[in-house]
């Protein structure tokens, strides 16, 4: 899935800029696999796309079972900064949002 409409706003991974990527280290075939990608739209808006296996936090219910799932989540700039602090190294954070106080 590359597009999602949320609150009458289009979120499209093909036209947005990828800012950061995180994976939990499991292979995509593992039930616990999870990955997240932070994007920024041309309008400056941020959004996160999360994807994971049937035992991940992104699992979806299908026919009474857990299946792999994908979410699109609009982010504020503060959400994006928090995600980057939690998921990226310091150099990647600084490249995206600038220097921070020591």
PDB file of N, CA and C in Angstrom:
ATOM      1  N   UNK A   1       0.851  -1.175   0.000  1.00  0.00           N
ATOM      2  CA  UNK A   1       0.000   0.000   0.000  1.00  0.00           C
ATOM      3  C   UNK A   1       0.897   1.239   0.000  1.00  0.00           C
ATOM      4  N   UNK A   2       0.659   2.105  -0.935  1.00  0.00           N
ATOM      5  CA  UNK A   2       1.483   3.312  -1.006  1.00  0.00           C
ATOM      6  C   UNK A   2       0.691   4.590  -0.744  1.00  0.00           C
ATOM      7  N   UNK A   3      -0.639   4.475  -0.743  1.00  0.00           N
ATOM      8  CA  UNK A   3      -1.481   5.663  -0.543  1.00  0.00           C
ATOM      9  C   UNK A   3      -2.559   5.380   0.493  1.00  0.00           C
ATOM     10  N   UNK A   4      -2.905   6.445   1.206  1.00  0.00           N
ATOM     11  CA  UNK A   4      -4.003   6.340   2.171  1.00  0.00           C
ATOM     12  C   UNK A   4      -4.594   7.740   2.327  1.00  0.00           C
ATOM     13  N   UNK A   5      -5.907   7.819   2.411  1.00  0.00           N
ATOM     14  CA  UNK A   5      -6.580   9.087   2.677  1.00  0.00           C
ATOM     15  C   UNK A   5      -7.052   9.064   4.120  1.00  0.00           C
ATOM     16  N   UNK A   6      -6.618  10.074   4.886  1.00  0.00           N
ATOM     17  CA  UNK A   6      -6.993  10.207   6.292  1.00  0.00           C
ATOM     18  C   UNK A   6      -7.471  11.638   6.499  1.00  0.00           C
ATOM     19  N   UNK A   7      -8.686  11.791   7.024  1.00  0.00           N
ATOM     20  CA  UNK A   7      -9.272  13.113   7.261  1.00  0.00           C
ATOM     21  C   UNK A   7      -9.194  14.010   6.029  1.00  0.00           C
ATOM     22  N   UNK A   8      -9.573  13.441   4.890  1.00  0.00           N
ATOM     23  CA  UNK A   8      -9.572  14.167   3.610  1.00  0.00           C
ATOM     24  C   UNK A   8      -8.194  14.649   3.175  1.00  0.00           C
ATOM     25  N   UNK A   9      -7.133  14.021   3.642  1.00  0.00           N
ATOM     26  CA  UNK A   9      -5.756  14.352   3.264  1.00  0.00           C
ATOM     27  C   UNK A   9      -5.111  13.103   2.665  1.00  0.00           C
ATOM     28  N   UNK A  10      -4.399  13.288   1.558  1.00  0.00           N
ATOM     29  CA  UNK A  10      -3.716  12.173   0.904  1.00  0.00           C
ATOM     30  C   UNK A  10      -2.323  11.999   1.497  1.00  0.00           C
ATOM     31  N   UNK A  11      -1.990  10.768   1.814  1.00  0.00           N
ATOM     32  CA  UNK A  11      -0.652  10.390   2.274  1.00  0.00           C
ATOM     33  C   UNK A  11      -0.135   9.362   1.280  1.00  0.00           C
ATOM     34  N   UNK A  12       0.914   9.725   0.528  1.00  0.00           N
ATOM     35  CA  UNK A  12       1.404   8.912  -0.573  1.00  0.00           C
ATOM     36  C   UNK A  12       2.915   8.734  -0.429  1.00  0.00           C
ATOM     37  N   UNK A  13       3.345   7.507  -0.242  1.00  0.00           N
ATOM     38  CA  UNK A  13       4.777   7.248  -0.055  1.00  0.00           C
ATOM     39  C   UNK A  13       5.568   7.473  -1.340  1.00  0.00           C
ATOM     40  N   UNK A  14       4.913   7.446  -2.495  1.00  0.00           N
ATOM     41  CA  UNK A  14       5.620   7.634  -3.757  1.00  0.00           C
ATOM     42  C   UNK A  14       5.951   9.095  -4.044  1.00  0.00           C
ATOM     43  N   UNK A  15       5.197  10.019  -3.453  1.00  0.00           N
ATOM     44  CA  UNK A  15       5.454  11.443  -3.710  1.00  0.00           C
ATOM     45  C   UNK A  15       6.069  12.154  -2.502  1.00  0.00           C
ATOM     46  N   UNK A  16       6.087  11.502  -1.357  1.00  0.00           N
ATOM     47  CA  UNK A  16       6.673  12.094  -0.142  1.00  0.00           C
ATOM     48  C   UNK A  16       8.160  11.750  -0.067  1.00  0.00           C
ATOM     49  N   UNK A  17       8.876  12.530   0.721  1.00  0.00           N
ATOM     50  CA  UNK A  17      10.304  12.298   0.927  1.00  0.00           C
ATOM     51  C   UNK A  17      10.497  11.385   2.129  1.00  0.00           C
ATOM     52  N   UNK A  18      11.263  10.312   1.941  1.00  0.00           N
ATOM     53  CA  UNK A  18      11.568   9.417   3.056  1.00  0.00           C
ATOM     54  C   UNK A  18      12.638  10.067   3.923  1.00  0.00           C
ATOM     55  N   UNK A  19      12.341  10.218   5.214  1.00  0.00           N
ATOM     56  CA  UNK A  19      13.271  10.866   6.147  1.00  0.00           C
ATOM     57  C   UNK A  19      14.040   9.876   7.003  1.00  0.00           C
ATOM     58  N   UNK A  20      13.419   8.777   7.362  1.00  0.00           N
ATOM     59  CA  UNK A  20      14.076   7.817   8.243  1.00  0.00           C
ATOM     60  C   UNK A  20      13.399   6.470   8.181  1.00  0.00           C
ATOM     61  N   UNK A  21      14.182   5.443   8.504  1.00  0.00           N
ATOM     62  CA  UNK A  21      13.686   4.075   8.475  1.00  0.00           C
ATOM     63  C   UNK A  21      14.185   3.348   9.716  1.00  0.00           C
ATOM     64  N   UNK A  22      13.314   2.501  10.280  1.00  0.00           N
ATOM     65  CA  UNK A  22      13.664   1.673  11.427  1.00  0.00           C
ATOM     66  C   UNK A  22      13.052   0.295  11.227  1.00  0.00           C
ATOM     67  N   UNK A  23      13.787  -0.719  11.647  1.00  0.00           N
ATOM     68  CA  UNK A  23      13.285  -2.091  11.645  1.00  0.00           C
ATOM     69  C   UNK A  23      13.679  -2.734  12.968  1.00  0.00           C
ATOM     70  N   UNK A  24      12.864  -3.676  13.433  1.00  0.00           N
ATOM     71  CA  UNK A  24      13.193  -4.360  14.684  1.00  0.00           C
ATOM     72  C   UNK A  24      14.236  -5.457  14.489  1.00  0.00           C
ATOM     73  N   UNK A  25      14.700  -5.676  13.269  1.00  0.00           N
ATOM     74  CA  UNK A  25      15.772  -6.633  13.030  1.00  0.00           C
ATOM     75  C   UNK A  25      15.325  -8.021  12.617  1.00  0.00           C
ATOM     76  N   UNK A  26      14.043  -8.300  12.739  1.00  0.00           N
ATOM     77  CA  UNK A  26      13.536  -9.588  12.277  1.00  0.00           C
ATOM     78  C   UNK A  26      13.426  -9.566  10.749  1.00  0.00           C
ATOM     79  N   UNK A  27      13.458 -10.732  10.131  1.00  0.00           N
ATOM     80  CA  UNK A  27      13.284 -10.800   8.682  1.00  0.00           C
ATOM     81  C   UNK A  27      11.810 -10.602   8.344  1.00  0.00           C
ATOM     82  N   UNK A  28      11.513 -10.090   7.139  1.00  0.00           N
ATOM     83  CA  UNK A  28      10.109  -9.860   6.775  1.00  0.00           C
ATOM     84  C   UNK A  28       9.226 -11.106   6.828  1.00  0.00           C
ATOM     85  N   UNK A  29       9.803 -12.283   6.767  1.00  0.00           N
ATOM     86  CA  UNK A  29       8.994 -13.504   6.839  1.00  0.00           C
ATOM     87  C   UNK A  29       8.666 -13.901   8.278  1.00  0.00           C
ATOM     88  N   UNK A  30       9.297 -13.252   9.253  1.00  0.00           N
ATOM     89  CA  UNK A  30       9.058 -13.565  10.662  1.00  0.00           C
ATOM     90  C   UNK A  30       7.749 -12.942  11.127  1.00  0.00           C
ATOM     91  N   UNK A  31       6.982 -13.674  11.906  1.00  0.00           N
ATOM     92  CA  UNK A  31       5.704 -13.161  12.418  1.00  0.00           C
ATOM     93  C   UNK A  31       5.871 -11.906  13.268  1.00  0.00           C
ATOM     94  N   UNK A  32       7.037 -11.724  13.887  1.00  0.00           N
ATOM     95  CA  UNK A  32       7.284 -10.576  14.769  1.00  0.00           C
ATOM     96  C   UNK A  32       7.919  -9.391  14.048  1.00  0.00           C
ATOM     97  N   UNK A  33       8.177  -9.513  12.760  1.00  0.00           N
ATOM     98  CA  UNK A  33       8.804  -8.449  11.983  1.00  0.00           C
ATOM     99  C   UNK A  33       7.997  -7.153  12.085  1.00  0.00           C
ATOM    100  N   UNK A  34       8.720  -6.030  12.241  1.00  0.00           N
ATOM    101  CA  UNK A  34       8.083  -4.713  12.222  1.00  0.00           C
ATOM    102  C   UNK A  34       9.070  -3.715  11.620  1.00  0.00           C
ATOM    103  N   UNK A  35       8.547  -2.775  10.852  1.00  0.00           N
ATOM    104  CA  UNK A  35       9.351  -1.702  10.286  1.00  0.00           C
ATOM    105  C   UNK A  35       8.528  -0.423  10.273  1.00  0.00           C
ATOM    106  N   UNK A  36       9.221   0.701  10.343  1.00  0.00           N
ATOM    107  CA  UNK A  36       8.568   2.014  10.323  1.00  0.00           C
ATOM    108  C   UNK A  36       9.381   2.938   9.429  1.00  0.00           C
ATOM    109  N   UNK A  37       8.672   3.756   8.657  1.00  0.00           N
ATOM    110  CA  UNK A  37       9.322   4.727   7.790  1.00  0.00           C
ATOM    111  C   UNK A  37       8.651   6.079   8.007  1.00  0.00           C
ATOM    112  N   UNK A  38       9.478   7.081   8.259  1.00  0.00           N
ATOM    113  CA  UNK A  38       8.991   8.448   8.442  1.00  0.00           C
ATOM    114  C   UNK A  38       9.094   9.185   7.114  1.00  0.00           C
ATOM    115  N   UNK A  39       8.018   9.862   6.732  1.00  0.00           N
ATOM    116  CA  UNK A  39       7.954  10.617   5.481  1.00  0.00           C
ATOM    117  C   UNK A  39       7.576  12.063   5.755  1.00  0.00           C
ATOM    118  N   UNK A  40       7.930  12.923   4.787  1.00  0.00           N
ATOM    119  CA  UNK A  40       7.467  14.308   4.809  1.00  0.00           C
ATOM    120  C   UNK A  40       6.880  14.632   3.442  1.00  0.00           C
ATOM    121  N   UNK A  41       5.657  15.162   3.458  1.00  0.00           N
ATOM    122  CA  UNK A  41       4.976  15.544   2.232  1.00  0.00           C
ATOM    123  C   UNK A  41       5.537  16.864   1.706  1.00  0.00           C
ATOM    124  N   UNK A  42       5.237  17.162   0.455  1.00  0.00           N
ATOM    125  CA  UNK A  42       5.657  18.433  -0.146  1.00  0.00           C
ATOM    126  C   UNK A  42       5.094  19.628   0.624  1.00  0.00           C
ATOM    127  N   UNK A  43       3.973  19.414   1.310  1.00  0.00           N
ATOM    128  CA  UNK A  43       3.338  20.472   2.106  1.00  0.00           C
ATOM    129  C   UNK A  43       4.031  20.686   3.447  1.00  0.00           C
ATOM    130  N   UNK A  44       5.000  19.818   3.766  1.00  0.00           N
ATOM    131  CA  UNK A  44       5.701  19.907   5.048  1.00  0.00           C
ATOM    132  C   UNK A  44       5.136  18.987   6.103  1.00  0.00           C
ATOM    133  N   UNK A  45       3.988  18.386   5.843  1.00  0.00           N
ATOM    134  CA  UNK A  45       3.375  17.479   6.808  1.00  0.00           C
ATOM    135  C   UNK A  45       4.189  16.192   6.913  1.00  0.00           C
ATOM    136  N   UNK A  46       4.198  15.619   8.103  1.00  0.00           N
ATOM    137  CA  UNK A  46       4.898  14.367   8.361  1.00  0.00           C
ATOM    138  C   UNK A  46       3.890  13.232   8.491  1.00  0.00           C
ATOM    139  N   UNK A  47       4.329  12.023   8.141  1.00  0.00           N
ATOM    140  CA  UNK A  47       3.528  10.846   8.441  1.00  0.00           C
ATOM    141  C   UNK A  47       4.438   9.640   8.575  1.00  0.00           C
ATOM    142  N   UNK A  48       3.952   8.674   9.327  1.00  0.00           N
ATOM    143  CA  UNK A  48       4.682   7.441   9.573  1.00  0.00           C
ATOM    144  C   UNK A  48       3.919   6.291   8.936  1.00  0.00           C
ATOM    145  N   UNK A  49       4.643   5.411   8.269  1.00  0.00           N
ATOM    146  CA  UNK A  49       4.054   4.174   7.765  1.00  0.00           C
ATOM    147  C   UNK A  49       4.705   3.036   8.533  1.00  0.00           C
ATOM    148  N   UNK A  50       3.887   2.256   9.211  1.00  0.00           N
ATOM    149  CA  UNK A  50       4.364   1.096   9.950  1.00  0.00           C
ATOM    150  C   UNK A  50       3.819  -0.166   9.315  1.00  0.00           C
ATOM    151  N   UNK A  51       4.645  -1.176   9.279  1.00  0.00           N
ATOM    152  CA  UNK A  51       4.238  -2.446   8.682  1.00  0.00           C
ATOM    153  C   UNK A  51       4.814  -3.567   9.531  1.00  0.00           C
ATOM    154  N   UNK A  52       4.048  -4.630   9.664  1.00  0.00           N
ATOM    155  CA  UNK A  52       4.567  -5.736  10.452  1.00  0.00           C
ATOM    156  C   UNK A  52       3.809  -7.022  10.257  1.00  0.00           C
ATOM    157  N   UNK A  53       4.381  -8.076  10.810  1.00  0.00           N
ATOM    158  CA  UNK A  53       3.821  -9.413  10.707  1.00  0.00           C
ATOM    159  C   UNK A  53       2.652  -9.645  11.651  1.00  0.00           C
ATOM    160  N   UNK A  54       2.091 -10.837  11.609  1.00  0.00           N
ATOM    161  CA  UNK A  54       0.898 -11.161  12.388  1.00  0.00           C
ATOM    162  C   UNK A  54       1.067 -11.091  13.906  1.00  0.00           C
ATOM    163  N   UNK A  55       2.294 -11.121  14.395  1.00  0.00           N
ATOM    164  CA  UNK A  55       2.527 -11.035  15.832  1.00  0.00           C
ATOM    165  C   UNK A  55       3.134  -9.690  16.226  1.00  0.00           C
ATOM    166  N   UNK A  56       3.121  -8.733  15.316  1.00  0.00           N
ATOM    167  CA  UNK A  56       3.667  -7.402  15.591  1.00  0.00           C
ATOM    168  C   UNK A  56       2.553  -6.460  16.032  1.00  0.00           C
ATOM    169  N   UNK A  57       2.931  -5.267  16.412  1.00  0.00           N
ATOM    170  CA  UNK A  57       1.932  -4.258  16.800  1.00  0.00           C
ATOM    171  C   UNK A  57       1.142  -3.759  15.593  1.00  0.00           C
ATOM    172  N   UNK A  58       1.531  -4.133  14.386  1.00  0.00           N
ATOM    173  CA  UNK A  58       0.825  -3.712  13.174  1.00  0.00           C
ATOM    174  C   UNK A  58      -0.111  -4.784  12.624  1.00  0.00           C
ATOM    175  N   UNK A  59      -0.256  -5.869  13.343  1.00  0.00           N
ATOM    176  CA  UNK A  59      -1.112  -6.966  12.898  1.00  0.00           C
ATOM    177  C   UNK A  59      -2.550  -6.489  12.718  1.00  0.00           C
ATOM    178  N   UNK A  60      -3.223  -7.092  11.745  1.00  0.00           N
ATOM    179  CA  UNK A  60      -4.630  -6.820  11.488  1.00  0.00           C
ATOM    180  C   UNK A  60      -5.402  -8.128  11.613  1.00  0.00           C
ATOM    181  N   UNK A  61      -6.656  -8.023  11.956  1.00  0.00           N
ATOM    182  CA  UNK A  61      -7.509  -9.194  12.045  1.00  0.00           C
ATOM    183  C   UNK A  61      -8.086  -9.497  10.665  1.00  0.00           C
ATOM    184  N   UNK A  62      -7.970 -10.747  10.264  1.00  0.00           N
ATOM    185  CA  UNK A  62      -8.581 -11.153   8.996  1.00  0.00           C
ATOM    186  C   UNK A  62      -9.121 -12.572   9.145  1.00  0.00           C
ATOM    187  N   UNK A  63     -10.392 -12.712   8.935  1.00  0.00           N
ATOM    188  CA  UNK A  63     -11.075 -14.008   9.033  1.00  0.00           C
ATOM    189  C   UNK A  63     -10.799 -14.697  10.366  1.00  0.00           C
ATOM    190  N   UNK A  64     -10.817 -13.904  11.449  1.00  0.00           N
ATOM    191  CA  UNK A  64     -10.637 -14.457  12.778  1.00  0.00           C
ATOM    192  C   UNK A  64      -9.207 -14.790  13.149  1.00  0.00           C
ATOM    193  N   UNK A  65      -8.270 -14.413  12.312  1.00  0.00           N
ATOM    194  CA  UNK A  65      -6.860 -14.665  12.582  1.00  0.00           C
ATOM    195  C   UNK A  65      -6.084 -13.358  12.500  1.00  0.00           C
ATOM    196  N   UNK A  66      -4.845 -13.408  12.956  1.00  0.00           N
ATOM    197  CA  UNK A  66      -3.956 -12.261  12.815  1.00  0.00           C
ATOM    198  C   UNK A  66      -3.221 -12.361  11.492  1.00  0.00           C
ATOM    199  N   UNK A  67      -3.153 -11.234  10.787  1.00  0.00           N
ATOM    200  CA  UNK A  67      -2.431 -11.148   9.521  1.00  0.00           C
ATOM    201  C   UNK A  67      -1.476  -9.967   9.583  1.00  0.00           C
ATOM    202  N   UNK A  68      -0.543  -9.934   8.658  1.00  0.00           N
ATOM    203  CA  UNK A  68       0.339  -8.779   8.539  1.00  0.00           C
ATOM    204  C   UNK A  68      -0.502  -7.533   8.306  1.00  0.00           C
ATOM    205  N   UNK A  69       0.006  -6.388   8.751  1.00  0.00           N
ATOM    206  CA  UNK A  69      -0.750  -5.158   8.584  1.00  0.00           C
ATOM    207  C   UNK A  69       0.137  -3.960   8.335  1.00  0.00           C
ATOM    208  N   UNK A  70      -0.486  -2.901   7.850  1.00  0.00           N
ATOM    209  CA  UNK A  70       0.189  -1.643   7.558  1.00  0.00           C
ATOM    210  C   UNK A  70      -0.676  -0.502   8.073  1.00  0.00           C
ATOM    211  N   UNK A  71      -0.038   0.491   8.697  1.00  0.00           N
ATOM    212  CA  UNK A  71      -0.765   1.683   9.145  1.00  0.00           C
ATOM    213  C   UNK A  71      -0.099   2.934   8.568  1.00  0.00           C
ATOM    214  N   UNK A  72      -0.894   3.943   8.322  1.00  0.00           N
ATOM    215  CA  UNK A  72      -0.429   5.281   7.981  1.00  0.00           C
ATOM    216  C   UNK A  72      -0.850   6.159   9.144  1.00  0.00           C
ATOM    217  N   UNK A  73       0.070   6.924   9.701  1.00  0.00           N
ATOM    218  CA  UNK A  73      -0.228   7.731  10.870  1.00  0.00           C
ATOM    219  C   UNK A  73       0.283   9.153  10.652  1.00  0.00           C
ATOM    220  N   UNK A  74      -0.613  10.138  10.498  1.00  0.00           N
ATOM    221  CA  UNK A  74      -0.162  11.534  10.379  1.00  0.00           C
ATOM    222  C   UNK A  74       0.577  11.949  11.646  1.00  0.00           C
ATOM    223  N   UNK A  75       1.660  12.699  11.478  1.00  0.00           N
ATOM    224  CA  UNK A  75       2.490  13.144  12.591  1.00  0.00           C
ATOM    225  C   UNK A  75       2.614  14.658  12.585  1.00  0.00           C
ATOM    226  N   UNK A  76       2.656  15.235  13.774  1.00  0.00           N
ATOM    227  CA  UNK A  76       3.059  16.628  13.909  1.00  0.00           C
ATOM    228  C   UNK A  76       4.588  16.670  13.833  1.00  0.00           C
ATOM    229  N   UNK A  77       5.152  17.851  13.763  1.00  0.00           N
ATOM    230  CA  UNK A  77       6.610  17.962  13.776  1.00  0.00           C
ATOM    231  C   UNK A  77       7.174  17.413  15.080  1.00  0.00           C
ATOM    232  N   UNK A  78       6.481  17.671  16.193  1.00  0.00           N
ATOM    233  CA  UNK A  78       6.940  17.138  17.481  1.00  0.00           C
ATOM    234  C   UNK A  78       6.899  15.611  17.503  1.00  0.00           C
ATOM    235  N   UNK A  79       5.848  15.017  16.916  1.00  0.00           N
ATOM    236  CA  UNK A  79       5.779  13.555  16.804  1.00  0.00           C
ATOM    237  C   UNK A  79       6.962  13.028  15.998  1.00  0.00           C
ATOM    238  N   UNK A  80       7.253  13.701  14.877  1.00  0.00           N
ATOM    239  CA  UNK A  80       8.354  13.271  14.008  1.00  0.00           C
ATOM    240  C   UNK A  80       9.691  13.370  14.745  1.00  0.00           C
ATOM    241  N   UNK A  81       9.891  14.438  15.497  1.00  0.00           N
ATOM    242  CA  UNK A  81      11.134  14.598  16.256  1.00  0.00           C
ATOM    243  C   UNK A  81      11.258  13.513  17.325  1.00  0.00           C
ATOM    244  N   UNK A  82      10.166  13.227  18.011  1.00  0.00           N
ATOM    245  CA  UNK A  82      10.205  12.187  19.049  1.00  0.00           C
ATOM    246  C   UNK A  82      10.506  10.831  18.428  1.00  0.00           C
ATOM    247  N   UNK A  83       9.849  10.522  17.312  1.00  0.00           N
ATOM    248  CA  UNK A  83      10.108   9.254  16.632  1.00  0.00           C
ATOM    249  C   UNK A  83      11.588   9.171  16.238  1.00  0.00           C
ATOM    250  N   UNK A  84      12.115  10.237  15.661  1.00  0.00           N
ATOM    251  CA  UNK A  84      13.518  10.256  15.231  1.00  0.00           C
ATOM    252  C   UNK A  84      14.461  10.099  16.423  1.00  0.00           C
ATOM    253  N   UNK A  85      14.155  10.734  17.555  1.00  0.00           N
ATOM    254  CA  UNK A  85      14.993  10.577  18.748  1.00  0.00           C
ATOM    255  C   UNK A  85      14.995   9.129  19.229  1.00  0.00           C
ATOM    256  N   UNK A  86      13.828   8.491  19.170  1.00  0.00           N
ATOM    257  CA  UNK A  86      13.688   7.119  19.647  1.00  0.00           C
ATOM    258  C   UNK A  86      14.257   6.077  18.682  1.00  0.00           C
ATOM    259  N   UNK A  87      14.194   6.363  17.382  1.00  0.00           N
ATOM    260  CA  UNK A  87      14.483   5.335  16.376  1.00  0.00           C
ATOM    261  C   UNK A  87      15.774   5.535  15.577  1.00  0.00           C
ATOM    262  N   UNK A  88      16.267   6.766  15.499  1.00  0.00           N
ATOM    263  CA  UNK A  88      17.443   7.053  14.674  1.00  0.00           C
ATOM    264  C   UNK A  88      18.637   7.409  15.550  1.00  0.00           C
ATOM    265  N   UNK A  89      19.831   7.353  14.970  1.00  0.00           N
ATOM    266  CA  UNK A  89      21.002   7.778  15.738  1.00  0.00           C
ATOM    267  C   UNK A  89      21.087   9.313  15.737  1.00  0.00           C
ATOM    268  N   UNK A  90      21.974   9.855  16.552  1.00  0.00           N
ATOM    269  CA  UNK A  90      22.070  11.307  16.748  1.00  0.00           C
ATOM    270  C   UNK A  90      22.402  12.023  15.441  1.00  0.00           C
ATOM    271  N   UNK A  91      23.309  11.478  14.639  1.00  0.00           N
ATOM    272  CA  UNK A  91      23.685  12.132  13.385  1.00  0.00           C
ATOM    273  C   UNK A  91      22.508  12.231  12.416  1.00  0.00           C
ATOM    274  N   UNK A  92      21.712  11.175  12.334  1.00  0.00           N
ATOM    275  CA  UNK A  92      20.539  11.186  11.458  1.00  0.00           C
ATOM    276  C   UNK A  92      19.516  12.209  11.952  1.00  0.00           C
ATOM    277  N   UNK A  93      19.326  12.284  13.266  1.00  0.00           N
ATOM    278  CA  UNK A  93      18.398  13.267  13.838  1.00  0.00           C
ATOM    279  C   UNK A  93      18.850  14.685  13.494  1.00  0.00           C
ATOM    280  N   UNK A  94      20.129  14.969  13.710  1.00  0.00           N
ATOM    281  CA  UNK A  94      20.667  16.306  13.442  1.00  0.00           C
ATOM    282  C   UNK A  94      20.539  16.649  11.960  1.00  0.00           C
ATOM    283  N   UNK A  95      20.757  15.688  11.090  1.00  0.00           N
ATOM    284  CA  UNK A  95      20.616  15.925   9.642  1.00  0.00           C
ATOM    285  C   UNK A  95      19.189  16.327   9.287  1.00  0.00           C
ATOM    286  N   UNK A  96      18.221  15.800  10.012  1.00  0.00           N
ATOM    287  CA  UNK A  96      16.807  16.095   9.724  1.00  0.00           C
ATOM    288  C   UNK A  96      16.330  17.379  10.388  1.00  0.00           C
ATOM    289  N   UNK A  97      16.684  17.565  11.665  1.00  0.00           N
ATOM    290  CA  UNK A  97      16.069  18.630  12.450  1.00  0.00           C
ATOM    291  C   UNK A  97      17.053  19.670  12.981  1.00  0.00           C
ATOM    292  N   UNK A  98      18.335  19.497  12.721  1.00  0.00           N
ATOM    293  CA  UNK A  98      19.326  20.462  13.173  1.00  0.00           C
ATOM    294  C   UNK A  98      19.914  20.121  14.535  1.00  0.00           C
ATOM    295  N   UNK A  99      20.888  20.914  14.899  1.00  0.00           N
ATOM    296  CA  UNK A  99      21.594  20.715  16.156  1.00  0.00           C
ATOM    297  C   UNK A  99      20.670  20.898  17.359  1.00  0.00           C
ATOM    298  N   UNK A 100      21.004  20.230  18.434  1.00  0.00           N
ATOM    299  CA  UNK A 100      20.286  20.384  19.704  1.00  0.00           C
ATOM    300  C   UNK A 100      21.300  20.757  20.775  1.00  0.00           C
ATOM    301  N   UNK A 101      20.815  21.273  21.879  1.00  0.00           N
ATOM    302  CA  UNK A 101      21.704  21.672  22.972  1.00  0.00           C
ATOM    303  C   UNK A 101      22.387  20.467  23.586  1.00  0.00           C
ATOM    304  N   UNK A 102      23.619  20.681  24.056  1.00  0.00           N
ATOM    305  CA  UNK A 102      24.331  19.604  24.744  1.00  0.00           C
ATOM    306  C   UNK A 102      23.986  19.623  26.208  1.00  0.00           C
TER     307      UNK A 102
END
